[in-house]
Protein backbone atom coordinates (compact mmCIF):
# COMPACT_ATOMS: atom_id res chain seq x y z
CA MET A 1 33.43 -11.80 19.63
CA GLN A 2 31.50 -9.67 22.09
CA LEU A 3 27.70 -9.58 21.96
CA PHE A 4 25.18 -7.66 24.01
CA ILE A 5 22.05 -9.48 25.07
CA LYS A 6 18.98 -7.45 25.96
CA THR A 7 16.77 -9.56 28.19
CA CYS A 8 13.15 -8.74 28.76
CA PHE A 9 10.01 -10.46 29.95
CA TYR A 10 7.19 -10.74 27.44
CA ASN A 11 4.63 -7.92 27.95
CA SER A 12 6.92 -6.09 30.37
CA LYS A 13 8.89 -2.86 30.11
CA ASN A 14 11.60 -4.14 32.47
CA SER A 15 14.79 -5.23 30.76
CA HIS A 16 18.53 -5.30 31.24
CA VAL A 17 21.59 -5.90 29.07
CA VAL A 18 24.27 -8.52 29.68
CA GLU A 19 27.58 -8.87 27.86
CA VAL A 20 28.60 -12.22 26.36
CA LYS A 21 31.94 -13.15 24.81
CA ASN A 22 31.97 -16.14 22.48
CA PRO A 23 33.34 -17.29 19.11
CA GLU A 24 31.44 -16.93 15.84
CA SER A 25 31.48 -20.74 15.52
CA THR A 26 29.02 -21.07 18.43
CA THR A 27 25.56 -22.39 17.63
CA ILE A 28 22.48 -20.47 18.73
CA GLU A 29 21.74 -23.35 21.12
CA GLY A 30 25.23 -22.93 22.64
CA LEU A 31 24.64 -19.19 22.92
CA LYS A 32 21.37 -19.87 24.77
CA THR A 33 23.30 -22.02 27.25
CA ILE A 34 25.88 -19.26 27.79
CA ILE A 35 23.10 -16.70 28.31
CA SER A 36 21.13 -18.96 30.66
CA ASN A 37 24.23 -19.42 32.84
CA LYS A 38 24.74 -15.65 32.91
CA ILE A 39 21.13 -14.78 33.85
CA ARG A 40 20.60 -17.94 35.93
CA MET A 41 17.58 -19.27 34.03
CA PRO A 42 17.09 -22.47 32.05
CA PRO A 43 17.44 -21.97 28.26
CA LYS A 44 13.68 -22.03 27.58
CA PHE A 45 13.58 -18.66 25.85
CA GLY A 46 13.75 -17.38 22.30
CA ILE A 47 16.58 -15.33 20.85
CA ARG A 48 15.83 -12.71 18.24
CA THR A 49 17.80 -10.14 16.37
CA MET A 50 16.82 -6.54 16.97
CA SER A 51 14.83 -6.76 13.71
CA SER A 52 12.66 -9.41 15.48
CA SER A 53 13.84 -12.38 13.42
CA GLN A 54 13.67 -15.62 15.45
CA LEU A 55 17.00 -17.49 15.39
CA ASP A 56 17.11 -21.26 14.73
CA GLU A 57 18.96 -23.18 17.47
CA SER A 58 20.80 -25.50 15.09
CA ARG A 59 22.45 -22.70 13.10
CA TYR A 60 25.65 -20.81 13.88
CA ILE A 61 26.07 -17.17 14.87
CA SER A 62 28.02 -16.63 11.65
CA ASP A 63 25.05 -17.95 9.59
CA TYR A 64 23.10 -14.84 10.60
CA ASN A 65 25.96 -12.43 9.87
CA ILE A 66 25.97 -11.33 13.50
CA GLN A 67 28.99 -9.11 14.01
CA ASP A 68 31.10 -8.11 17.00
CA MET A 69 29.31 -5.68 19.37
CA HIS A 70 25.89 -6.69 17.98
CA THR A 71 22.82 -6.63 20.25
CA LEU A 72 20.45 -9.60 20.40
CA GLN A 73 17.14 -9.73 22.22
CA VAL A 74 16.08 -12.53 24.55
CA VAL A 75 12.36 -12.71 25.19
CA ILE A 76 11.40 -14.59 28.35
CA PRO A 77 7.76 -15.63 28.80
CA PHE A 78 5.95 -13.43 31.34
CA ASN A 79 4.89 -16.40 33.51
CA PHE A 80 8.39 -17.94 33.41
CA LYS A 81 9.71 -19.07 36.79
CA LYS A 82 13.34 -19.72 37.68
CA ASP A 83 14.18 -23.34 38.54
């Protein structure tokens, strides 16, 4: 399954999109780890669908009916600093 992750800082117009490949059986927490490795930031951010629904870390991607080629949004706090 291929997903697109739109990353943006809270209260900022700057954003970019990264591509992630993972199985539907991945938890949201696991997806956060994959994304954090890709953007080189600790997984202290929230993941939302493009309809702005916050995703629960303990649930699976398939629980939200997220399909191949879907775009998710990662919102990073504005004052967030890389470790």
